[in-house]
């Protein structure tokens, strides 16, 4: 435990309202604070549904909802819920977040530490992709990030805590970097049991099948979703492998439910199948993932949620690139992408394919993906359903 000679509790305010994947990665900040084990209170300003996920995984964190259309004159009501603060961490970096945190600072007199945005770096990658087109291949270094997104969000907190706590302890604080924090959603066992009991009827559809593979076929933008043909090809090739096929659990929102249904119509899967798409909250989805051996997903929030609960992933990248800072990070996880030089299409992957063929997905090496899925369901048995 870090030495903390001052009897007062450190109060830290964190602002991060969206997106879901970024909020999950921002949980690295809470992991650092827990590992430092200093007396503290944490207030997180956010927005459902991601805020509910933080609340469920970290019950001791005070979560305050910031409505999407909150007027600036109404901000004072939210500021009034914070009696004092020692540190304000702005992880959103847009203008709304800037003014909100400055207003909170005027009330509390606490210093603000802000995450840096890589807008210019991403824009430059997109510009170079426009120049390369499909004449040249994607440079190899674009398939690995120089810095993970969660490290960029951790940096302002580490700097702020080091400064504040060191001042209070007269230098008795360890370097936050020495704790090696990571994005985590340590959902309490009592919460897991409650969720599992509520979903028990759906799990009964799986019978006693020992292996379970989750699939997330959706993404925040339609252009980041691999075509149905890609998922069908992966499942059909997986069927050809000589192994006990895993049960399939499809996860996602209501928009993903119809995609999952279409895929299931085209694949005669001999093992049990449960389509959870459009059902349950993010917290319930996270609990479901803990019962699986791995997850096959697009570049989406569910991939980050899976890794935050310790489940490895196979992530399919299309219009985005790993160098943006969002590839899977667990040792057993893998990212799969093509070498097309036209990647990335845009800073967030939401612009339509300028060639109109989504070749970045259709040229993925299906065999590599399938081999990784086989290793996940073979080497990592699923948790018991009981």
Foldseek 3Di string as FASTA:
>chain_A
DFDFPDPDAAEEEEEDADDLQLLLLLLLQVQLVVLQPGRYAYEYEYAPPSLVLQCQLPVRHHYDYDDPPDDPVCLVVVLVVDPEHQEYEYEHPDPVSVVSVVVNCVVHVHDYFYFDDCVVVLVVLLVQLVVCFQVDWADPCLQAAPAASSVSSNVRSQVSCCVRRCVRVVNRGDRSVVSPTGRARNRDPVSLVVLLVVCVVLVVLQPQFWAEEEEEQDAPANLQGQDLVLVLVLVVVLVVDPDDDHEYEYEEAPVCQVSVVVSCVSDPDPHGYGYCYNHDGPNSVLSVLLQHLAYEYELHSVCSSSVNHPHAYEYEGFLEHCNLNRDDDDPLHDYWWGRRSSHNNHSVSRDADPVNPSVGNVPIDSVVSNVSVVCSRPVGIGDGSD
